[in-house]
Amino acid sequence: MRTSQPLIGLSEPPPYGVYNPSGTSDVVLICEHASPLIPEALNGLGLPDSDQKRHIGWDIGALRVAEQLADLLDAPLFYTNYSRLVLDANRPHASEQMFPEISERTVIPGNLNLSEAEKAQRVAYFFEPFHTAIDRFLDRRLEQLQSTRIVTVHSFTPIYKDETRPWEVGILYGTAKGFGQQIIGCLQCENITCIGENEPYQIDINDYAIPVHGDKRGIPAVLIELRHDLISTPPGIQRWTKYLARALEEKYETETQVTTNERSY
């Protein structure tokens, strides 16, 4: 499980993928927990296959929704190819949640007592390439004065630590309150009534994509959480993709976006 060898084999996929990179929409889609895949070098992190495929390893259904949304909106989509248990790509370096030792109630043996060198190796393989690609893409858009909104697509389990979560969808935002509430209003027009505003989670210092790629650039950014039992079938995925596409097709008057040399991290 501990290794100084390359973490991604020659026959394995790259750390991230880009779908529809030339999309013309002002929406840029991101899916950070798109896959349950663990590279062979990490030996499943000591977990049985059944645990690797549970919600603790990825956001079930999120990538399928994101891909269909990219098609409907003609939007570019950036997504990860490896499990959030290997490295949670929506966490900053300082977050203890980047390499979870326990997820829900499951111990992750391959994440116990990681050395700083092992953590740095995973960051170099799975975090830096993904976020560097997004940084460069967004910076080019800002330099070209292209209107831009960021939407990250996630899913959540309907029951967490024996607690039932009633929401069908959650709309999370940091500084982009107007954008978030516009989406909520559009979803309410679809007769969706159980919508979480900054539920089942809130954006905070342990998040990455919304605060760093969005808020600090002045780009309106929201995180969409879909309850994964609602997107577990093709009809469910299609239904929710259409709801979200209609919401995101609504025009949004963006706030002033900062240029790359004006922002400070």
Protein backbone atom coordinates (compact mmCIF):
# COMPACT_ATOMS: atom_id res chain seq x y z
CA MET A 1 0.00 0.00 0.00
CA ARG A 2 2.88 2.34 0.76
CA THR A 3 4.77 3.07 -2.43
CA SER A 4 7.45 5.30 -3.86
CA GLN A 5 6.71 3.91 -7.32
CA PRO A 6 4.62 5.82 -9.87
CA LEU A 7 1.03 5.99 -8.64
CA ILE A 8 -0.55 5.80 -12.09
CA GLY A 9 0.40 2.91 -14.35
CA LEU A 10 0.87 3.20 -18.09
CA SER A 11 -2.40 1.36 -18.75
CA GLU A 12 -4.41 3.47 -16.29
CA PRO A 13 -6.29 6.68 -17.09
CA PRO A 14 -4.76 10.12 -16.50
CA PRO A 15 -5.68 11.96 -13.29
CA TYR A 16 -8.44 13.99 -14.91
CA GLY A 17 -10.44 14.36 -18.07
CA VAL A 18 -12.02 17.20 -20.03
CA TYR A 19 -15.32 16.70 -21.81
CA ASN A 20 -16.45 19.11 -24.54
CA PRO A 21 -13.44 21.42 -24.04
CA SER A 22 -14.55 23.79 -26.81
CA GLY A 23 -18.04 24.27 -25.42
CA THR A 24 -19.46 27.74 -26.03
CA SER A 25 -21.57 28.15 -22.89
CA ASP A 26 -20.62 30.67 -20.22
CA VAL A 27 -21.00 27.79 -17.72
CA VAL A 28 -17.87 25.82 -16.81
CA LEU A 29 -18.70 22.48 -15.18
CA ILE A 30 -16.51 20.69 -12.63
CA CYS A 31 -17.01 17.21 -11.15
CA GLU A 32 -14.41 16.52 -8.46
CA HIS A 33 -15.74 13.16 -7.19
CA ALA A 34 -16.55 11.57 -10.53
CA SER A 35 -14.98 8.11 -10.16
CA PRO A 36 -14.47 5.33 -7.59
CA LEU A 37 -11.25 4.16 -9.27
CA ILE A 38 -8.21 3.51 -7.09
CA PRO A 39 -4.89 3.04 -8.91
CA GLU A 40 -3.37 -0.42 -8.73
CA ALA A 41 -0.31 0.93 -6.92
CA LEU A 42 -2.48 1.72 -3.88
CA ASN A 43 -4.01 -1.77 -3.65
CA GLY A 44 -7.55 -0.56 -3.13
CA LEU A 45 -6.42 1.39 -0.05
CA GLY A 46 -7.02 -1.85 1.83
CA LEU A 47 -10.77 -1.72 1.18
CA PRO A 48 -13.00 -4.42 -0.31
CA ASP A 49 -14.46 -3.62 -3.70
CA SER A 50 -17.91 -3.14 -2.17
CA ASP A 51 -16.67 -0.27 0.00
CA GLN A 52 -14.74 1.31 -2.86
CA LYS A 53 -17.99 1.53 -4.86
CA ARG A 54 -20.05 3.06 -2.03
CA HIS A 55 -20.82 6.76 -1.72
CA ILE A 56 -17.71 7.19 0.43
CA GLY A 57 -15.55 6.66 -2.66
CA TRP A 58 -17.31 8.88 -5.19
CA ASP A 59 -20.41 10.92 -5.94
CA ILE A 60 -22.68 8.31 -7.47
CA GLY A 61 -24.33 9.49 -10.69
CA ALA A 62 -22.70 12.92 -10.64
CA LEU A 63 -20.52 12.45 -13.72
CA ARG A 64 -23.41 11.17 -15.82
CA VAL A 65 -25.45 14.24 -14.89
CA ALA A 66 -22.49 16.53 -15.56
CA GLU A 67 -21.84 14.99 -18.99
CA GLN A 68 -25.47 15.29 -20.07
CA LEU A 69 -25.56 18.84 -18.72
CA ALA A 70 -22.45 19.63 -20.75
CA ASP A 71 -24.24 18.35 -23.84
CA LEU A 72 -27.44 20.31 -23.23
CA LEU A 73 -25.63 23.57 -22.43
CA ASP A 74 -22.66 23.05 -24.76
CA ALA A 75 -20.45 23.56 -21.72
CA PRO A 76 -16.89 22.39 -20.98
CA LEU A 77 -16.55 19.87 -18.15
CA PHE A 78 -13.50 19.03 -16.02
CA TYR A 79 -13.67 15.81 -14.00
CA THR A 80 -11.41 13.59 -11.93
CA ASN A 81 -10.66 9.97 -12.81
CA TYR A 82 -9.79 8.67 -9.33
CA SER A 83 -11.54 8.13 -6.03
CA ARG A 84 -12.02 10.86 -3.47
CA LEU A 85 -10.50 8.39 -0.99
CA VAL A 86 -7.16 8.56 -2.82
CA LEU A 87 -7.33 12.35 -2.64
CA ASP A 88 -10.34 14.61 -2.24
CA ALA A 89 -9.87 17.11 -5.05
CA ASN A 90 -12.32 19.53 -3.44
CA ARG A 91 -10.10 20.10 -0.39
CA PRO A 92 -7.23 22.54 0.08
CA HIS A 93 -3.79 21.28 1.03
CA ALA A 94 -4.22 22.23 4.68
CA SER A 95 -7.43 20.26 5.10
CA GLU A 96 -7.33 17.03 7.11
CA GLN A 97 -10.18 15.85 4.90
CA MET A 98 -7.99 15.62 1.79
CA PHE A 99 -6.88 12.10 2.80
CA PRO A 100 -9.72 10.77 4.96
CA GLU A 101 -8.74 8.13 7.51
CA ILE A 102 -12.40 7.45 8.29
CA SER A 103 -15.30 8.10 5.91
CA GLU A 104 -18.74 7.92 7.49
CA ARG A 105 -17.97 4.93 9.76
CA THR A 106 -15.51 3.13 7.48
CA VAL A 107 -11.79 3.12 8.30
CA ILE A 108 -9.59 3.66 5.22
CA PRO A 109 -6.48 1.55 5.97
CA GLY A 110 -4.43 2.97 3.11
CA ASN A 111 -4.81 6.49 4.47
CA LEU A 112 -3.70 5.77 8.03
CA ASN A 113 -0.46 7.42 9.16
CA LEU A 114 0.49 8.76 5.74
CA SER A 115 3.86 10.47 5.69
CA GLU A 116 4.22 13.99 4.33
CA ALA A 117 6.11 12.53 1.38
CA GLU A 118 3.23 10.17 0.59
CA LYS A 119 0.72 12.99 0.79
CA ALA A 120 2.88 15.18 -1.43
CA GLN A 121 3.14 12.38 -3.99
CA ARG A 122 -0.63 12.06 -4.20
CA VAL A 123 -1.05 15.83 -4.47
CA ALA A 124 1.44 15.89 -7.35
CA TYR A 125 -0.37 13.08 -9.18
CA PHE A 126 -4.04 13.78 -8.53
CA PHE A 127 -4.54 17.38 -7.35
CA GLU A 128 -2.08 19.61 -9.16
CA PRO A 129 -2.73 18.46 -12.76
CA PHE A 130 -6.50 18.75 -12.34
CA HIS A 131 -6.58 22.17 -10.72
CA THR A 132 -3.77 23.58 -12.83
CA ALA A 133 -5.78 22.72 -15.95
CA ILE A 134 -8.85 24.47 -14.51
CA ASP A 135 -6.77 27.49 -13.43
CA ARG A 136 -5.32 27.94 -16.91
CA PHE A 137 -8.70 27.49 -18.58
CA LEU A 138 -10.40 30.06 -16.34
CA ASP A 139 -7.51 32.52 -16.60
CA ARG A 140 -7.72 32.42 -20.40
CA ARG A 141 -11.45 33.16 -20.23
CA LEU A 142 -10.87 36.12 -17.93
CA GLU A 143 -8.08 37.46 -20.13
CA GLN A 144 -10.43 37.24 -23.12
CA LEU A 145 -13.22 38.92 -21.11
CA GLN A 146 -15.50 35.92 -21.56
CA SER A 147 -18.53 35.83 -19.29
CA THR A 148 -18.12 32.83 -16.98
CA ARG A 149 -20.08 30.96 -14.34
CA ILE A 150 -18.84 27.89 -12.46
CA VAL A 151 -21.08 24.96 -11.52
CA THR A 152 -19.69 21.96 -9.67
CA VAL A 153 -21.78 18.78 -9.71
CA HIS A 154 -21.96 16.44 -6.72
CA SER A 155 -24.28 13.86 -5.20
CA PHE A 156 -25.05 12.92 -1.61
CA THR A 157 -26.31 9.82 0.14
CA PRO A 158 -29.93 9.90 1.36
CA ILE A 159 -28.91 8.42 4.72
CA TYR A 160 -25.70 9.44 6.49
CA LYS A 161 -24.75 7.98 9.87
CA ASP A 162 -28.36 6.79 10.29
CA GLU A 163 -29.73 10.28 9.65
CA THR A 164 -32.20 10.68 6.80
CA ARG A 165 -31.64 13.66 4.53
CA PRO A 166 -34.89 14.98 3.09
CA TRP A 167 -33.56 17.29 0.39
CA GLU A 168 -33.85 16.30 -3.25
CA VAL A 169 -31.17 18.78 -4.23
CA GLY A 170 -28.89 21.21 -2.45
CA ILE A 171 -27.61 24.50 -3.86
CA LEU A 172 -24.44 25.65 -2.10
CA TYR A 173 -22.68 28.95 -2.57
CA GLY A 174 -20.08 31.18 -0.96
CA THR A 175 -20.22 34.77 -2.20
CA ALA A 176 -22.50 34.07 -5.19
CA LYS A 177 -25.75 34.26 -3.23
CA GLY A 178 -27.66 35.80 -6.14
CA PHE A 179 -26.63 33.04 -8.53
CA GLY A 180 -27.49 30.34 -6.01
CA GLN A 181 -30.90 31.79 -5.24
CA GLN A 182 -31.68 32.22 -8.93
CA ILE A 183 -31.11 28.49 -9.45
CA ILE A 184 -33.28 27.70 -6.42
CA GLY A 185 -36.06 29.87 -7.84
CA CYS A 186 -35.88 28.12 -11.20
CA LEU A 187 -36.03 24.69 -9.56
CA GLN A 188 -39.04 25.75 -7.51
CA CYS A 189 -40.75 26.56 -10.81
CA GLU A 190 -40.26 22.88 -11.70
CA ASN A 191 -42.38 22.01 -8.62
CA ILE A 192 -39.33 20.84 -6.69
CA THR A 193 -40.08 21.84 -3.12
CA CYS A 194 -37.48 20.08 -0.96
CA ILE A 195 -34.44 22.16 -1.91
CA GLY A 196 -31.58 22.70 0.50
CA GLU A 197 -30.06 26.18 0.47
CA ASN A 198 -26.51 25.53 1.67
CA GLU A 199 -27.67 22.06 2.71
CA PRO A 200 -26.67 19.26 3.29
CA TYR A 201 -23.31 21.06 3.50
CA GLN A 202 -21.98 24.61 3.57
CA ILE A 203 -19.07 26.12 1.65
CA ASP A 204 -16.19 26.80 4.05
CA ILE A 205 -12.40 26.80 4.36
CA ASN A 206 -12.34 23.03 3.78
CA ASP A 207 -13.67 23.48 0.23
CA TYR A 208 -11.61 24.31 -2.83
CA ALA A 209 -13.38 24.73 -6.18
CA ILE A 210 -16.03 27.28 -5.17
CA PRO A 211 -13.86 29.54 -2.97
CA VAL A 212 -10.67 29.32 -5.05
CA HIS A 213 -11.75 28.91 -8.67
CA GLY A 214 -14.91 30.97 -8.22
CA ASP A 215 -15.16 33.39 -5.32
CA LYS A 216 -11.55 34.59 -5.33
CA ARG A 217 -11.73 35.28 -9.05
CA GLY A 218 -15.06 37.07 -8.77
CA ILE A 219 -16.69 34.35 -10.89
CA PRO A 220 -20.23 33.39 -9.79
CA ALA A 221 -19.91 29.81 -8.57
CA VAL A 222 -22.31 27.28 -7.09
CA LEU A 223 -22.07 23.67 -5.99
CA ILE A 224 -25.04 21.46 -6.84
CA GLU A 225 -25.71 18.42 -4.63
CA LEU A 226 -28.17 15.84 -5.98
CA ARG A 227 -29.51 13.05 -3.76
CA HIS A 228 -28.02 10.04 -5.43
CA ASP A 229 -31.08 7.77 -5.25
CA LEU A 230 -32.78 10.27 -7.58
CA ILE A 231 -30.06 9.93 -10.22
CA SER A 232 -29.46 6.18 -9.98
CA THR A 233 -31.29 5.37 -13.23
CA PRO A 234 -31.10 6.80 -16.77
CA PRO A 235 -34.59 8.38 -16.50
CA GLY A 236 -33.64 10.00 -13.18
CA ILE A 237 -30.40 11.35 -14.62
CA GLN A 238 -32.23 12.71 -17.65
CA ARG A 239 -34.96 14.32 -15.53
CA TRP A 240 -32.57 16.16 -13.23
CA THR A 241 -30.26 17.15 -16.04
CA LYS A 242 -33.17 18.85 -17.79
CA TYR A 243 -34.19 20.66 -14.60
CA LEU A 244 -30.67 21.96 -14.10
CA ALA A 245 -30.18 22.86 -17.76
CA ARG A 246 -33.34 24.98 -17.76
CA ALA A 247 -32.20 26.70 -14.56
CA LEU A 248 -28.74 27.43 -15.94
CA GLU A 249 -30.06 28.67 -19.28
CA GLU A 250 -31.59 31.62 -17.42
CA LYS A 251 -29.50 34.75 -17.89
CA TYR A 252 -27.59 35.89 -14.84
CA GLU A 253 -26.13 39.35 -14.48
CA THR A 254 -22.65 38.55 -13.24
CA GLU A 255 -20.78 40.74 -10.83
CA THR A 256 -17.49 42.28 -11.92
CA GLN A 257 -14.87 39.58 -12.41
CA VAL A 258 -11.30 40.25 -11.37
CA THR A 259 -8.43 39.70 -13.74
CA THR A 260 -5.70 37.18 -13.04
CA ASN A 261 -3.26 39.79 -11.76
CA GLU A 262 -5.81 41.42 -9.44
CA ARG A 263 -6.66 38.48 -7.24
CA SER A 264 -4.71 37.31 -4.22
CA TYR A 265 -4.87 33.84 -2.73
